[in-house]
Protein backbone atom coordinates (compact mmCIF):
# COMPACT_ATOMS: atom_id res chain seq x y z
CA MET A 1 21.95 -24.43 -11.00
CA GLU A 2 24.21 -21.36 -11.08
CA ARG A 3 21.29 -19.19 -12.24
CA LYS A 4 19.22 -20.33 -9.27
CA ARG A 5 22.03 -19.35 -6.90
CA GLU A 6 22.31 -15.94 -8.58
CA LEU A 7 18.58 -15.33 -8.24
CA LYS A 8 18.63 -16.29 -4.55
CA GLN A 9 21.50 -13.89 -3.92
CA GLN A 10 19.74 -11.12 -5.83
CA PHE A 11 16.61 -11.68 -3.74
CA LYS A 12 18.60 -11.46 -0.49
CA GLU A 13 20.18 -8.20 -1.62
CA THR A 14 16.89 -6.60 -2.66
CA LYS A 15 16.09 -3.82 -0.26
CA ILE A 16 12.73 -4.11 1.49
CA GLU A 17 11.04 -0.73 1.50
CA ALA A 18 8.19 0.23 3.82
CA GLY A 19 5.87 3.19 3.59
CA VAL A 20 2.48 4.66 2.86
CA TYR A 21 0.49 4.23 -0.35
CA GLU A 22 -2.74 5.46 -1.89
CA ILE A 23 -5.30 3.67 -4.02
CA LYS A 24 -7.29 6.26 -5.98
CA ASN A 25 -10.51 5.82 -7.89
CA THR A 26 -9.88 8.11 -10.87
CA ILE A 27 -13.59 8.29 -11.69
CA ASN A 28 -14.98 9.63 -8.40
CA GLN A 29 -11.63 10.68 -6.82
CA LYS A 30 -12.20 8.59 -3.67
CA ILE A 31 -9.00 7.31 -2.06
CA PHE A 32 -7.76 4.65 0.30
CA ILE A 33 -4.64 5.29 2.39
CA GLY A 34 -2.69 2.29 3.64
CA SER A 35 0.75 1.32 4.82
CA THR A 36 2.95 -1.69 4.28
CA ARG A 37 6.25 -2.99 5.58
CA ASN A 38 7.09 -4.07 2.04
CA PHE A 39 5.90 -2.22 -1.07
CA LYS A 40 6.12 -5.49 -3.00
CA THR A 41 2.92 -6.54 -1.19
CA LEU A 42 0.97 -3.98 -3.22
CA ASN A 43 0.74 -6.64 -5.92
CA GLY A 44 -1.04 -8.78 -3.34
CA ARG A 45 -3.44 -5.91 -2.64
CA LYS A 46 -4.25 -5.72 -6.36
CA PHE A 47 -4.69 -9.49 -6.47
CA GLU A 48 -7.15 -9.39 -3.53
CA LEU A 49 -9.23 -6.78 -5.33
CA GLU A 50 -9.13 -8.68 -8.62
CA ALA A 51 -10.15 -11.88 -6.82
CA GLY A 52 -12.99 -10.08 -5.03
CA SER A 53 -11.57 -10.87 -1.60
CA SER A 54 -10.60 -7.44 -0.22
CA THR A 55 -11.68 -6.86 3.37
CA ASN A 56 -12.50 -3.23 2.48
CA LYS A 57 -16.06 -3.76 1.25
CA ASP A 58 -16.59 -0.24 -0.16
CA LEU A 59 -13.34 -0.33 -2.11
CA GLN A 60 -14.13 -3.83 -3.37
CA LYS A 61 -17.64 -2.80 -4.45
CA GLU A 62 -16.37 0.11 -6.51
CA TRP A 63 -13.47 -1.93 -7.92
CA ASN A 64 -16.06 -4.41 -9.18
CA GLU A 65 -18.29 -1.61 -10.48
CA PHE A 66 -15.67 0.55 -12.25
CA GLY A 67 -12.99 -2.05 -13.07
CA LYS A 68 -9.29 -2.10 -12.33
CA GLU A 69 -8.54 0.48 -15.04
CA ALA A 70 -10.28 3.10 -12.88
CA PHE A 71 -7.81 2.69 -9.99
CA GLN A 72 -4.33 4.09 -9.56
CA PHE A 73 -1.79 2.88 -6.97
CA THR A 74 0.70 5.50 -5.77
CA ILE A 75 3.47 5.41 -3.18
CA LEU A 76 3.03 8.53 -1.06
CA GLU A 77 6.08 8.26 1.17
CA GLN A 78 8.80 5.78 1.89
CA LEU A 79 9.72 5.16 5.53
CA LYS A 80 13.20 6.43 6.30
CA LYS A 81 15.10 3.99 8.48
CA PRO A 82 18.18 4.96 10.45
CA GLU A 83 21.43 3.22 9.58
CA THR A 84 22.18 2.23 13.17
CA GLY A 85 20.46 1.82 16.52
CA PHE A 86 17.06 0.52 17.54
CA PHE A 87 14.19 1.38 15.25
CA ASP A 88 10.55 0.45 15.87
CA GLU A 89 9.45 0.13 12.26
CA LYS A 90 5.86 -0.78 13.13
CA ARG A 91 5.35 2.29 15.31
CA ALA A 92 7.10 4.60 12.82
CA LEU A 93 4.93 3.24 10.00
CA GLN A 94 1.74 3.81 12.03
CA LYS A 95 2.82 7.38 12.72
CA LEU A 96 3.59 7.99 9.03
CA GLU A 97 0.24 6.53 7.98
CA GLY A 98 -1.50 8.72 10.59
CA LYS A 99 0.15 11.80 9.09
CA TRP A 100 -1.20 10.96 5.64
CA LEU A 101 -4.66 10.07 6.97
CA ALA A 102 -4.81 13.47 8.70
CA GLU A 103 -3.65 15.26 5.55
CA LYS A 104 -5.84 13.47 2.98
CA GLN A 105 -8.92 12.75 5.17
CA PRO A 106 -10.04 9.69 3.14
CA TYR A 107 -13.32 9.22 5.02
CA GLY A 108 -16.99 9.17 4.05
CA GLU A 109 -17.57 10.64 0.61
CA LYS A 110 -13.83 11.31 0.16
CA GLY A 111 -12.52 7.82 0.63
CA TYR A 112 -12.56 4.21 1.65
CA ASN A 113 -10.92 4.41 5.08
CA GLY A 114 -13.16 3.97 8.14
CA LEU A 115 -13.00 6.26 11.14
């Protein structure tokens, strides 16, 4: 019972980190840029692809074709949150993702993001 209480406390103290990530096909170098309010959800993204249920049809097709070993998940930038005051995390995350989309241009032959 004590162990369960310790694990709950540890979970509550775990910092939730938001930011922008990249999924890269290491065979053809195509990339997908995405953002999340919790980097722990990247495991869910991998699970969707492994289960064949990703909503990104092009990414799913190539995941099926090349296999999971051909893909690399990378955190590009963590969202910096102020210590105090109001902070619109959703808007800040959209802005950060937009910066990376503009920089990497993962469209058409270069990536899996739609315009």
